Amino acid sequence: MKILEGNPIQEKEIEILHKIKALREQKSFSQYEMGQRLGISQNAYYKIEKGHTRLDLRRLIQLSSIFEIELYKLVC
């Protein structure tokens, strides 16, 4: 399901997705490498960045660990 703009919750989710992509690019990680680090395919990771797959707390914790940042910095 694609995340749509308008709802404050959805807008926050979009901000988080943009932050994830920016952090990935800052670390020079490819989508393939991110998939490997998360134990998923490159296509599954692509779907996360595009908002087709919603992130649960477990996945957010994994991402904050990969990016070496506190969880609150990823989601706030």
PDB file of N, CA and C in Angstrom:
ATOM      1  N   MET A   1       0.838  -1.176   0.000  1.00  0.00           N
ATOM      2  CA  MET A   1       0.000   0.000   0.000  1.00  0.00           C
ATOM      3  C   MET A   1       0.890   1.250   0.000  1.00  0.00           C
ATOM      4  N   LYS A   2       0.683   2.108  -0.932  1.00  0.00           N
ATOM      5  CA  LYS A   2       1.468   3.333  -1.060  1.00  0.00           C
ATOM      6  C   LYS A   2       1.005   4.347  -0.026  1.00  0.00           C
ATOM      7  N   ILE A   3       1.970   4.963   0.643  1.00  0.00           N
ATOM      8  CA  ILE A   3       1.646   5.993   1.634  1.00  0.00           C
ATOM      9  C   ILE A   3       1.278   7.270   0.894  1.00  0.00           C
ATOM     10  N   LEU A   4       0.137   7.854   1.253  1.00  0.00           N
ATOM     11  CA  LEU A   4      -0.328   9.075   0.608  1.00  0.00           C
ATOM     12  C   LEU A   4      -0.201  10.246   1.561  1.00  0.00           C
ATOM     13  N   GLU A   5       0.028  11.429   1.002  1.00  0.00           N
ATOM     14  CA  GLU A   5       0.157  12.627   1.816  1.00  0.00           C
ATOM     15  C   GLU A   5      -1.224  13.108   2.270  1.00  0.00           C
ATOM     16  N   GLY A   6      -1.242  13.925   3.322  1.00  0.00           N
ATOM     17  CA  GLY A   6      -2.493  14.515   3.790  1.00  0.00           C
ATOM     18  C   GLY A   6      -2.700  14.285   5.268  1.00  0.00           C
ATOM     19  N   ASN A   7      -2.611  13.059   5.706  1.00  0.00           N
ATOM     20  CA  ASN A   7      -2.786  12.689   7.097  1.00  0.00           C
ATOM     21  C   ASN A   7      -1.476  12.957   7.844  1.00  0.00           C
ATOM     22  N   PRO A   8      -1.514  13.606   9.021  1.00  0.00           N
ATOM     23  CA  PRO A   8      -0.272  13.893   9.758  1.00  0.00           C
ATOM     24  C   PRO A   8       0.572  12.652  10.040  1.00  0.00           C
ATOM     25  N   ILE A   9      -0.067  11.523  10.334  1.00  0.00           N
ATOM     26  CA  ILE A   9       0.671  10.285  10.575  1.00  0.00           C
ATOM     27  C   ILE A   9       1.389   9.879   9.296  1.00  0.00           C
ATOM     28  N   GLN A  10       0.690   9.912   8.186  1.00  0.00           N
ATOM     29  CA  GLN A  10       1.292   9.522   6.918  1.00  0.00           C
ATOM     30  C   GLN A  10       2.418  10.474   6.531  1.00  0.00           C
ATOM     31  N   GLU A  11       2.248  11.750   6.795  1.00  0.00           N
ATOM     32  CA  GLU A  11       3.301  12.721   6.473  1.00  0.00           C
ATOM     33  C   GLU A  11       4.554  12.423   7.288  1.00  0.00           C
ATOM     34  N   LYS A  12       4.386  12.026   8.546  1.00  0.00           N
ATOM     35  CA  LYS A  12       5.535  11.663   9.379  1.00  0.00           C
ATOM     36  C   LYS A  12       6.207  10.423   8.816  1.00  0.00           C
ATOM     37  N   GLU A  13       5.419   9.460   8.358  1.00  0.00           N
ATOM     38  CA  GLU A  13       5.990   8.260   7.748  1.00  0.00           C
ATOM     39  C   GLU A  13       6.798   8.619   6.505  1.00  0.00           C
ATOM     40  N   ILE A  14       6.303   9.546   5.717  1.00  0.00           N
ATOM     41  CA  ILE A  14       7.016   9.978   4.522  1.00  0.00           C
ATOM     42  C   ILE A  14       8.340  10.637   4.915  1.00  0.00           C
ATOM     43  N   GLU A  15       8.322  11.454   5.967  1.00  0.00           N
ATOM     44  CA  GLU A  15       9.558  12.078   6.460  1.00  0.00           C
ATOM     45  C   GLU A  15      10.577  11.015   6.855  1.00  0.00           C
ATOM     46  N   ILE A  16      10.117   9.974   7.530  1.00  0.00           N
ATOM     47  CA  ILE A  16      11.011   8.895   7.958  1.00  0.00           C
ATOM     48  C   ILE A  16      11.599   8.191   6.738  1.00  0.00           C
ATOM     49  N   LEU A  17      10.780   7.940   5.732  1.00  0.00           N
ATOM     50  CA  LEU A  17      11.273   7.284   4.513  1.00  0.00           C
ATOM     51  C   LEU A  17      12.325   8.132   3.821  1.00  0.00           C
ATOM     52  N   HIS A  18      12.108   9.443   3.768  1.00  0.00           N
ATOM     53  CA  HIS A  18      13.101  10.339   3.164  1.00  0.00           C
ATOM     54  C   HIS A  18      14.398  10.314   3.975  1.00  0.00           C
ATOM     55  N   LYS A  19      14.257  10.269   5.294  1.00  0.00           N
ATOM     56  CA  LYS A  19      15.429  10.231   6.162  1.00  0.00           C
ATOM     57  C   LYS A  19      16.205   8.931   5.956  1.00  0.00           C
ATOM     58  N   ILE A  20      15.484   7.819   5.826  1.00  0.00           N
ATOM     59  CA  ILE A  20      16.129   6.525   5.592  1.00  0.00           C
ATOM     60  C   ILE A  20      16.918   6.550   4.289  1.00  0.00           C
ATOM     61  N   LYS A  21      16.307   7.075   3.247  1.00  0.00           N
ATOM     62  CA  LYS A  21      16.999   7.139   1.963  1.00  0.00           C
ATOM     63  C   LYS A  21      18.230   8.043   2.056  1.00  0.00           C
ATOM     64  N   ALA A  22      18.090   9.191   2.702  1.00  0.00           N
ATOM     65  CA  ALA A  22      19.214  10.125   2.841  1.00  0.00           C
ATOM     66  C   ALA A  22      20.350   9.490   3.644  1.00  0.00           C
ATOM     67  N   LEU A  23      20.022   8.782   4.721  1.00  0.00           N
ATOM     68  CA  LEU A  23      21.046   8.124   5.525  1.00  0.00           C
ATOM     69  C   LEU A  23      21.734   7.024   4.724  1.00  0.00           C
ATOM     70  N   ARG A  24      20.962   6.276   3.954  1.00  0.00           N
ATOM     71  CA  ARG A  24      21.543   5.230   3.114  1.00  0.00           C
ATOM     72  C   ARG A  24      22.533   5.837   2.131  1.00  0.00           C
ATOM     73  N   GLU A  25      22.131   6.916   1.480  1.00  0.00           N
ATOM     74  CA  GLU A  25      23.004   7.566   0.510  1.00  0.00           C
ATOM     75  C   GLU A  25      24.223   8.184   1.194  1.00  0.00           C
ATOM     76  N   GLN A  26      24.037   8.742   2.374  1.00  0.00           N
ATOM     77  CA  GLN A  26      25.145   9.336   3.131  1.00  0.00           C
ATOM     78  C   GLN A  26      26.198   8.279   3.467  1.00  0.00           C
ATOM     79  N   LYS A  27      25.740   7.061   3.778  1.00  0.00           N
ATOM     80  CA  LYS A  27      26.642   5.955   4.098  1.00  0.00           C
ATOM     81  C   LYS A  27      27.163   5.260   2.830  1.00  0.00           C
ATOM     82  N   SER A  28      26.681   5.687   1.669  1.00  0.00           N
ATOM     83  CA  SER A  28      27.054   5.091   0.377  1.00  0.00           C
ATOM     84  C   SER A  28      26.670   3.611   0.291  1.00  0.00           C
ATOM     85  N   PHE A  29      25.523   3.267   0.886  1.00  0.00           N
ATOM     86  CA  PHE A  29      25.005   1.912   0.793  1.00  0.00           C
ATOM     87  C   PHE A  29      24.051   1.831  -0.394  1.00  0.00           C
ATOM     88  N   SER A  30      24.144   0.771  -1.149  1.00  0.00           N
ATOM     89  CA  SER A  30      23.173   0.541  -2.220  1.00  0.00           C
ATOM     90  C   SER A  30      21.914  -0.074  -1.611  1.00  0.00           C
ATOM     91  N   GLN A  31      20.840  -0.071  -2.387  1.00  0.00           N
ATOM     92  CA  GLN A  31      19.625  -0.734  -1.920  1.00  0.00           C
ATOM     93  C   GLN A  31      19.881  -2.233  -1.760  1.00  0.00           C
ATOM     94  N   TYR A  32      20.692  -2.784  -2.629  1.00  0.00           N
ATOM     95  CA  TYR A  32      21.036  -4.204  -2.516  1.00  0.00           C
ATOM     96  C   TYR A  32      21.733  -4.476  -1.182  1.00  0.00           C
ATOM     97  N   GLU A  33      22.719  -3.630  -0.848  1.00  0.00           N
ATOM     98  CA  GLU A  33      23.444  -3.811   0.406  1.00  0.00           C
ATOM     99  C   GLU A  33      22.521  -3.657   1.606  1.00  0.00           C
ATOM    100  N   MET A  34      21.606  -2.704   1.552  1.00  0.00           N
ATOM    101  CA  MET A  34      20.658  -2.541   2.653  1.00  0.00           C
ATOM    102  C   MET A  34      19.794  -3.789   2.798  1.00  0.00           C
ATOM    103  N   GLY A  35      19.358  -4.323   1.675  1.00  0.00           N
ATOM    104  CA  GLY A  35      18.585  -5.562   1.728  1.00  0.00           C
ATOM    105  C   GLY A  35      19.372  -6.675   2.389  1.00  0.00           C
ATOM    106  N   GLN A  36      20.638  -6.804   2.011  1.00  0.00           N
ATOM    107  CA  GLN A  36      21.498  -7.825   2.613  1.00  0.00           C
ATOM    108  C   GLN A  36      21.620  -7.627   4.122  1.00  0.00           C
ATOM    109  N   ARG A  37      21.829  -6.392   4.536  1.00  0.00           N
ATOM    110  CA  ARG A  37      21.991  -6.095   5.964  1.00  0.00           C
ATOM    111  C   ARG A  37      20.704  -6.374   6.748  1.00  0.00           C
ATOM    112  N   LEU A  38      19.559  -6.214   6.090  1.00  0.00           N
ATOM    113  CA  LEU A  38      18.271  -6.445   6.750  1.00  0.00           C
ATOM    114  C   LEU A  38      17.774  -7.877   6.576  1.00  0.00           C
ATOM    115  N   GLY A  39      18.460  -8.657   5.750  1.00  0.00           N
ATOM    116  CA  GLY A  39      18.035 -10.036   5.506  1.00  0.00           C
ATOM    117  C   GLY A  39      16.850 -10.136   4.567  1.00  0.00           C
ATOM    118  N   ILE A  40      16.738  -9.161   3.656  1.00  0.00           N
ATOM    119  CA  ILE A  40      15.649  -9.151   2.681  1.00  0.00           C
ATOM    120  C   ILE A  40      16.239  -8.893   1.294  1.00  0.00           C
ATOM    121  N   SER A  41      15.432  -9.013   0.267  1.00  0.00           N
ATOM    122  CA  SER A  41      15.903  -8.760  -1.093  1.00  0.00           C
ATOM    123  C   SER A  41      16.025  -7.267  -1.369  1.00  0.00           C
ATOM    124  N   GLN A  42      16.740  -6.939  -2.420  1.00  0.00           N
ATOM    125  CA  GLN A  42      16.855  -5.540  -2.842  1.00  0.00           C
ATOM    126  C   GLN A  42      15.476  -5.000  -3.171  1.00  0.00           C
ATOM    127  N   ASN A  43      14.651  -5.800  -3.823  1.00  0.00           N
ATOM    128  CA  ASN A  43      13.300  -5.367  -4.189  1.00  0.00           C
ATOM    129  C   ASN A  43      12.447  -5.092  -2.949  1.00  0.00           C
ATOM    130  N   ALA A  44      12.591  -5.932  -1.942  1.00  0.00           N
ATOM    131  CA  ALA A  44      11.842  -5.711  -0.692  1.00  0.00           C
ATOM    132  C   ALA A  44      12.312  -4.414  -0.021  1.00  0.00           C
ATOM    133  N   TYR A  45      13.608  -4.141  -0.070  1.00  0.00           N
ATOM    134  CA  TYR A  45      14.105  -2.896   0.506  1.00  0.00           C
ATOM    135  C   TYR A  45      13.593  -1.699  -0.296  1.00  0.00           C
ATOM    136  N   TYR A  46      13.607  -1.811  -1.618  1.00  0.00           N
ATOM    137  CA  TYR A  46      13.089  -0.751  -2.490  1.00  0.00           C
ATOM    138  C   TYR A  46      11.653  -0.398  -2.082  1.00  0.00           C
ATOM    139  N   LYS A  47      10.861  -1.421  -1.813  1.00  0.00           N
ATOM    140  CA  LYS A  47       9.463  -1.205  -1.427  1.00  0.00           C
ATOM    141  C   LYS A  47       9.362  -0.462  -0.096  1.00  0.00           C
ATOM    142  N   ILE A  48      10.316  -0.680   0.802  1.00  0.00           N
ATOM    143  CA  ILE A  48      10.336   0.071   2.063  1.00  0.00           C
ATOM    144  C   ILE A  48      10.554   1.544   1.768  1.00  0.00           C
ATOM    145  N   GLU A  49      11.598   1.859   0.985  1.00  0.00           N
ATOM    146  CA  GLU A  49      11.923   3.260   0.692  1.00  0.00           C
ATOM    147  C   GLU A  49      10.798   3.967  -0.050  1.00  0.00           C
ATOM    148  N   LYS A  50      10.072   3.240  -0.879  1.00  0.00           N
ATOM    149  CA  LYS A  50       8.992   3.850  -1.660  1.00  0.00           C
ATOM    150  C   LYS A  50       7.672   3.911  -0.904  1.00  0.00           C
ATOM    151  N   GLY A  51       7.616   3.329   0.287  1.00  0.00           N
ATOM    152  CA  GLY A  51       6.399   3.389   1.082  1.00  0.00           C
ATOM    153  C   GLY A  51       5.383   2.326   0.735  1.00  0.00           C
ATOM    154  N   HIS A  52       5.796   1.317  -0.008  1.00  0.00           N
ATOM    155  CA  HIS A  52       4.880   0.223  -0.351  1.00  0.00           C
ATOM    156  C   HIS A  52       4.791  -0.797   0.785  1.00  0.00           C
ATOM    157  N   THR A  53       5.809  -0.791   1.649  1.00  0.00           N
ATOM    158  CA  THR A  53       5.851  -1.681   2.803  1.00  0.00           C
ATOM    159  C   THR A  53       5.988  -0.823   4.049  1.00  0.00           C
ATOM    160  N   ARG A  54       5.103  -1.009   4.987  1.00  0.00           N
ATOM    161  CA  ARG A  54       5.148  -0.216   6.219  1.00  0.00           C
ATOM    162  C   ARG A  54       6.208  -0.780   7.154  1.00  0.00           C
ATOM    163  N   LEU A  55       6.821   0.109   7.888  1.00  0.00           N
ATOM    164  CA  LEU A  55       7.878  -0.265   8.817  1.00  0.00           C
ATOM    165  C   LEU A  55       7.306  -0.544  10.196  1.00  0.00           C
ATOM    166  N   ASP A  56       7.715  -1.658  10.777  1.00  0.00           N
ATOM    167  CA  ASP A  56       7.334  -1.935  12.156  1.00  0.00           C
ATOM    168  C   ASP A  56       8.517  -1.562  13.056  1.00  0.00           C
ATOM    169  N   LEU A  57       8.302  -1.628  14.356  1.00  0.00           N
ATOM    170  CA  LEU A  57       9.326  -1.219  15.309  1.00  0.00           C
ATOM    171  C   LEU A  57      10.605  -2.043  15.149  1.00  0.00           C
ATOM    172  N   ARG A  58      10.463  -3.320  14.928  1.00  0.00           N
ATOM    173  CA  ARG A  58      11.629  -4.198  14.772  1.00  0.00           C
ATOM    174  C   ARG A  58      12.499  -3.734  13.610  1.00  0.00           C
ATOM    175  N   ARG A  59      11.878  -3.399  12.502  1.00  0.00           N
ATOM    176  CA  ARG A  59      12.621  -2.960  11.316  1.00  0.00           C
ATOM    177  C   ARG A  59      13.248  -1.589  11.557  1.00  0.00           C
ATOM    178  N   LEU A  60      12.542  -0.696  12.246  1.00  0.00           N
ATOM    179  CA  LEU A  60      13.108   0.616  12.564  1.00  0.00           C
ATOM    180  C   LEU A  60      14.331   0.482  13.462  1.00  0.00           C
ATOM    181  N   ILE A  61      14.282  -0.448  14.399  1.00  0.00           N
ATOM    182  CA  ILE A  61      15.436  -0.691  15.268  1.00  0.00           C
ATOM    183  C   ILE A  61      16.603  -1.215  14.450  1.00  0.00           C
ATOM    184  N   GLN A  62      16.341  -2.129  13.528  1.00  0.00           N
ATOM    185  CA  GLN A  62      17.396  -2.643  12.649  1.00  0.00           C
ATOM    186  C   GLN A  62      18.031  -1.511  11.846  1.00  0.00           C
ATOM    187  N   LEU A  63      17.200  -0.644  11.295  1.00  0.00           N
ATOM    188  CA  LEU A  63      17.703   0.462  10.477  1.00  0.00           C
ATOM    189  C   LEU A  63      18.540   1.424  11.311  1.00  0.00           C
ATOM    190  N   SER A  64      18.084   1.750  12.510  1.00  0.00           N
ATOM    191  CA  SER A  64      18.864   2.665  13.347  1.00  0.00           C
ATOM    192  C   SER A  64      20.213   2.046  13.698  1.00  0.00           C
ATOM    193  N   SER A  65      20.250   0.751  13.882  1.00  0.00           N
ATOM    194  CA  SER A  65      21.512   0.065  14.162  1.00  0.00           C
ATOM    195  C   SER A  65      22.439   0.121  12.947  1.00  0.00           C
ATOM    196  N   ILE A  66      21.918  -0.133  11.771  1.00  0.00           N
ATOM    197  CA  ILE A  66      22.710  -0.081  10.536  1.00  0.00           C
ATOM    198  C   ILE A  66      23.287   1.310  10.330  1.00  0.00           C
ATOM    199  N   PHE A  67      22.475   2.322  10.571  1.00  0.00           N
ATOM    200  CA  PHE A  67      22.916   3.707  10.361  1.00  0.00           C
ATOM    201  C   PHE A  67      23.701   4.261  11.553  1.00  0.00           C
ATOM    202  N   GLU A  68      23.784   3.468  12.620  1.00  0.00           N
ATOM    203  CA  GLU A  68      24.521   3.838  13.822  1.00  0.00           C
ATOM    204  C   GLU A  68      24.009   5.143  14.429  1.00  0.00           C
ATOM    205  N   ILE A  69      22.670   5.215  14.540  1.00  0.00           N
ATOM    206  CA  ILE A  69      22.032   6.358  15.178  1.00  0.00           C
ATOM    207  C   ILE A  69      20.996   5.853  16.175  1.00  0.00           C
ATOM    208  N   GLU A  70      20.639   6.695  17.114  1.00  0.00           N
ATOM    209  CA  GLU A  70      19.598   6.340  18.080  1.00  0.00           C
ATOM    210  C   GLU A  70      18.259   6.256  17.341  1.00  0.00           C
ATOM    211  N   LEU A  71      17.412   5.363  17.800  1.00  0.00           N
ATOM    212  CA  LEU A  71      16.104   5.179  17.177  1.00  0.00           C
ATOM    213  C   LEU A  71      15.317   6.481  17.118  1.00  0.00           C
ATOM    214  N   TYR A  72      15.319   7.250  18.188  1.00  0.00           N
ATOM    215  CA  TYR A  72      14.547   8.493  18.197  1.00  0.00           C
ATOM    216  C   TYR A  72      15.021   9.464  17.133  1.00  0.00           C
ATOM    217  N   LYS A  73      16.307   9.433  16.777  1.00  0.00           N
ATOM    218  CA  LYS A  73      16.824  10.318  15.730  1.00  0.00           C
ATOM    219  C   LYS A  73      16.331   9.902  14.356  1.00  0.00           C
ATOM    220  N   LEU A  74      16.014   8.620  14.220  1.00  0.00           N
ATOM    221  CA  LEU A  74      15.470   8.135  12.951  1.00  0.00           C
ATOM    222  C   LEU A  74      14.003   8.507  12.793  1.00  0.00           C
ATOM    223  N   VAL A  75      13.257   8.450  13.892  1.00  0.00           N
ATOM    224  CA  VAL A  75      11.808   8.637  13.787  1.00  0.00           C
ATOM    225  C   VAL A  75      11.315  10.033  14.176  1.00  0.00           C
ATOM    226  N   CYS A  76      12.174  10.875  14.696  1.00  0.00           N
ATOM    227  CA  CYS A  76      11.759  12.223  15.099  1.00  0.00           C
ATOM    228  C   CYS A  76      12.346  13.277  14.175  1.00  0.00           C
TER     229      CYS A  76
END
